[in-house]
Amino acid sequence: MYFDSLQAALSMEGHGSFVWVAYLITLLIISAILLLPALRRRRLLRRIATELARQESGYATGKGAR
C-alpha cells in the first residue's frame, strides 16, 4: 500500500480510524500477554521469599519471640 502523504496513510480512505484502533487493541493485548506473567512471577517470588524468611526466623512454628 502506498500513500501520497502521511494524512492519506492515517485516514486510509476513511477506514484509518478502524484500522489504527484495531492495531492499538492488538498491541495492548500482546503487551498484557507478555507482561502479566512476569509481574505474577515477581509477586510469587516475593511471597516465597517472605515465607522462607518467616520460617527461618521461627515465626511460623511459634519458636520465635513475640
N, C-alpha and C. Protein backbone atom coordinates (compact mmCIF):
# COMPACT_ATOMS: atom_id res chain seq x y z
N MET A 1 0.83 -1.16 0.00
CA MET A 1 0.00 0.00 0.00
C MET A 1 0.89 1.24 0.00
N TYR A 2 0.68 2.12 -0.92
CA TYR A 2 1.45 3.35 -1.00
C TYR A 2 0.50 4.53 -0.87
N PHE A 3 0.95 5.51 -0.12
CA PHE A 3 0.13 6.70 0.10
C PHE A 3 0.91 7.93 -0.32
N ASP A 4 0.18 8.96 -0.72
CA ASP A 4 0.81 10.20 -1.17
C ASP A 4 1.34 11.04 -0.02
N SER A 5 0.71 10.93 1.15
CA SER A 5 1.11 11.75 2.28
C SER A 5 0.83 11.00 3.59
N LEU A 6 1.32 11.56 4.65
CA LEU A 6 1.07 10.97 5.97
C LEU A 6 -0.42 11.03 6.30
N GLN A 7 -1.06 12.11 5.93
CA GLN A 7 -2.50 12.24 6.17
C GLN A 7 -3.28 11.14 5.45
N ALA A 8 -2.90 10.83 4.23
CA ALA A 8 -3.56 9.78 3.47
C ALA A 8 -3.32 8.41 4.11
N ALA A 9 -2.11 8.21 4.65
CA ALA A 9 -1.81 6.95 5.32
C ALA A 9 -2.61 6.80 6.60
N LEU A 10 -2.79 7.90 7.33
CA LEU A 10 -3.55 7.84 8.58
C LEU A 10 -5.04 7.67 8.34
N SER A 11 -5.57 8.32 7.31
CA SER A 11 -7.01 8.24 7.07
C SER A 11 -7.42 6.97 6.32
N MET A 12 -6.53 6.45 5.48
CA MET A 12 -6.78 5.23 4.71
C MET A 12 -8.15 5.23 4.06
N GLU A 13 -8.44 6.30 3.37
CA GLU A 13 -9.71 6.47 2.64
C GLU A 13 -10.93 6.27 3.54
N GLY A 14 -10.85 6.81 4.75
CA GLY A 14 -12.00 6.74 5.67
C GLY A 14 -11.99 5.54 6.60
N HIS A 15 -11.10 4.60 6.38
CA HIS A 15 -11.05 3.39 7.22
C HIS A 15 -9.93 3.44 8.26
N GLY A 16 -9.16 4.50 8.25
CA GLY A 16 -7.99 4.59 9.13
C GLY A 16 -8.31 4.49 10.61
N SER A 17 -9.40 5.10 11.04
CA SER A 17 -9.72 5.05 12.47
C SER A 17 -9.97 3.62 12.93
N PHE A 18 -10.63 2.82 12.12
CA PHE A 18 -10.88 1.42 12.47
C PHE A 18 -9.59 0.61 12.48
N VAL A 19 -8.76 0.86 11.48
CA VAL A 19 -7.51 0.12 11.36
C VAL A 19 -6.58 0.44 12.52
N TRP A 20 -6.40 1.74 12.84
CA TRP A 20 -5.48 2.12 13.90
C TRP A 20 -5.98 1.70 15.27
N VAL A 21 -7.28 1.72 15.49
CA VAL A 21 -7.83 1.23 16.76
C VAL A 21 -7.60 -0.28 16.87
N ALA A 22 -7.75 -1.00 15.79
CA ALA A 22 -7.50 -2.44 15.81
C ALA A 22 -6.03 -2.73 16.11
N TYR A 23 -5.12 -1.95 15.52
CA TYR A 23 -3.69 -2.11 15.83
C TYR A 23 -3.42 -1.82 17.30
N LEU A 24 -4.02 -0.77 17.83
CA LEU A 24 -3.82 -0.39 19.23
C LEU A 24 -4.32 -1.48 20.18
N ILE A 25 -5.50 -2.00 19.92
CA ILE A 25 -6.05 -3.06 20.76
C ILE A 25 -5.16 -4.30 20.70
N THR A 26 -4.70 -4.65 19.52
CA THR A 26 -3.81 -5.80 19.36
C THR A 26 -2.52 -5.59 20.14
N LEU A 27 -1.95 -4.41 20.04
CA LEU A 27 -0.71 -4.10 20.77
C LEU A 27 -0.92 -4.19 22.28
N LEU A 28 -2.05 -3.69 22.77
CA LEU A 28 -2.34 -3.76 24.20
C LEU A 28 -2.50 -5.20 24.67
N ILE A 29 -3.18 -6.02 23.90
CA ILE A 29 -3.39 -7.41 24.28
C ILE A 29 -2.06 -8.18 24.29
N ILE A 30 -1.25 -7.98 23.27
CA ILE A 30 0.05 -8.66 23.21
C ILE A 30 0.94 -8.19 24.37
N SER A 31 0.91 -6.91 24.67
CA SER A 31 1.70 -6.40 25.80
C SER A 31 1.25 -7.03 27.11
N ALA A 32 -0.05 -7.16 27.31
CA ALA A 32 -0.56 -7.78 28.52
C ALA A 32 -0.17 -9.25 28.60
N ILE A 33 -0.22 -9.94 27.48
CA ILE A 33 0.16 -11.35 27.44
C ILE A 33 1.63 -11.52 27.82
N LEU A 34 2.47 -10.58 27.44
CA LEU A 34 3.89 -10.68 27.73
C LEU A 34 4.24 -10.18 29.13
N LEU A 35 3.57 -9.15 29.61
CA LEU A 35 3.94 -8.53 30.89
C LEU A 35 3.31 -9.18 32.11
N LEU A 36 2.07 -9.58 32.03
CA LEU A 36 1.38 -10.10 33.22
C LEU A 36 2.05 -11.34 33.82
N PRO A 37 2.47 -12.32 33.05
CA PRO A 37 3.17 -13.46 33.67
C PRO A 37 4.46 -13.05 34.40
N ALA A 38 5.19 -12.10 33.86
CA ALA A 38 6.41 -11.64 34.52
C ALA A 38 6.09 -10.95 35.84
N LEU A 39 5.03 -10.16 35.86
CA LEU A 39 4.63 -9.49 37.10
C LEU A 39 4.13 -10.49 38.14
N ARG A 40 3.38 -11.48 37.69
CA ARG A 40 2.90 -12.52 38.61
C ARG A 40 4.06 -13.33 39.17
N ARG A 41 5.05 -13.63 38.33
CA ARG A 41 6.22 -14.39 38.78
C ARG A 41 6.97 -13.61 39.84
N ARG A 42 7.17 -12.32 39.62
CA ARG A 42 7.87 -11.48 40.58
C ARG A 42 7.14 -11.44 41.92
N ARG A 43 5.80 -11.31 41.85
CA ARG A 43 4.99 -11.30 43.06
C ARG A 43 5.08 -12.63 43.81
N LEU A 44 5.04 -13.73 43.07
CA LEU A 44 5.15 -15.06 43.68
C LEU A 44 6.51 -15.25 44.34
N LEU A 45 7.57 -14.85 43.68
CA LEU A 45 8.90 -14.98 44.26
C LEU A 45 9.04 -14.15 45.53
N ARG A 46 8.43 -12.97 45.56
CA ARG A 46 8.44 -12.15 46.77
C ARG A 46 7.71 -12.84 47.91
N ARG A 47 6.55 -13.43 47.61
CA ARG A 47 5.80 -14.16 48.64
C ARG A 47 6.59 -15.34 49.17
N ILE A 48 7.24 -16.08 48.28
CA ILE A 48 8.03 -17.23 48.70
C ILE A 48 9.20 -16.77 49.58
N ALA A 49 9.87 -15.70 49.18
CA ALA A 49 10.98 -15.19 49.97
C ALA A 49 10.51 -14.74 51.36
N THR A 50 9.35 -14.10 51.43
CA THR A 50 8.80 -13.67 52.71
C THR A 50 8.48 -14.87 53.58
N GLU A 51 7.87 -15.89 53.00
CA GLU A 51 7.52 -17.10 53.75
C GLU A 51 8.77 -17.82 54.25
N LEU A 52 9.80 -17.91 53.43
CA LEU A 52 11.05 -18.53 53.85
C LEU A 52 11.70 -17.76 54.99
N ALA A 53 11.66 -16.45 54.90
CA ALA A 53 12.23 -15.63 55.97
C ALA A 53 11.47 -15.85 57.27
N ARG A 54 10.15 -15.95 57.20
CA ARG A 54 9.35 -16.22 58.40
C ARG A 54 9.69 -17.58 58.99
N GLN A 55 9.83 -18.58 58.13
CA GLN A 55 10.14 -19.92 58.62
C GLN A 55 11.53 -19.97 59.24
N GLU A 56 12.49 -19.29 58.64
CA GLU A 56 13.84 -19.29 59.18
C GLU A 56 13.92 -18.57 60.52
N SER A 57 13.08 -17.56 60.71
CA SER A 57 13.12 -16.84 61.97
C SER A 57 12.36 -17.56 63.08
N GLY A 58 11.64 -18.62 62.73
CA GLY A 58 10.90 -19.37 63.71
C GLY A 58 9.51 -18.83 63.99
N TYR A 59 9.12 -17.79 63.25
CA TYR A 59 7.83 -17.18 63.47
C TYR A 59 6.69 -18.12 63.15
N ALA A 60 6.80 -18.88 62.09
CA ALA A 60 5.71 -19.76 61.64
C ALA A 60 5.54 -20.94 62.58
N THR A 61 6.60 -21.37 63.26
CA THR A 61 6.50 -22.53 64.14
C THR A 61 6.21 -22.16 65.58
N GLY A 62 6.20 -20.86 65.88
CA GLY A 62 5.92 -20.43 67.24
C GLY A 62 7.15 -20.44 68.13
N LYS A 63 8.33 -20.66 67.58
CA LYS A 63 9.56 -20.69 68.35
C LYS A 63 10.15 -19.30 68.54
N GLY A 64 9.71 -18.36 67.73
CA GLY A 64 10.27 -17.02 67.80
C GLY A 64 9.69 -16.22 68.94
N ALA A 65 10.37 -15.15 69.34
CA ALA A 65 9.88 -14.28 70.43
C ALA A 65 8.74 -13.43 69.91
N ARG A 66 7.73 -13.25 70.75
CA ARG A 66 6.59 -12.44 70.35
C ARG A 66 6.54 -11.16 71.10
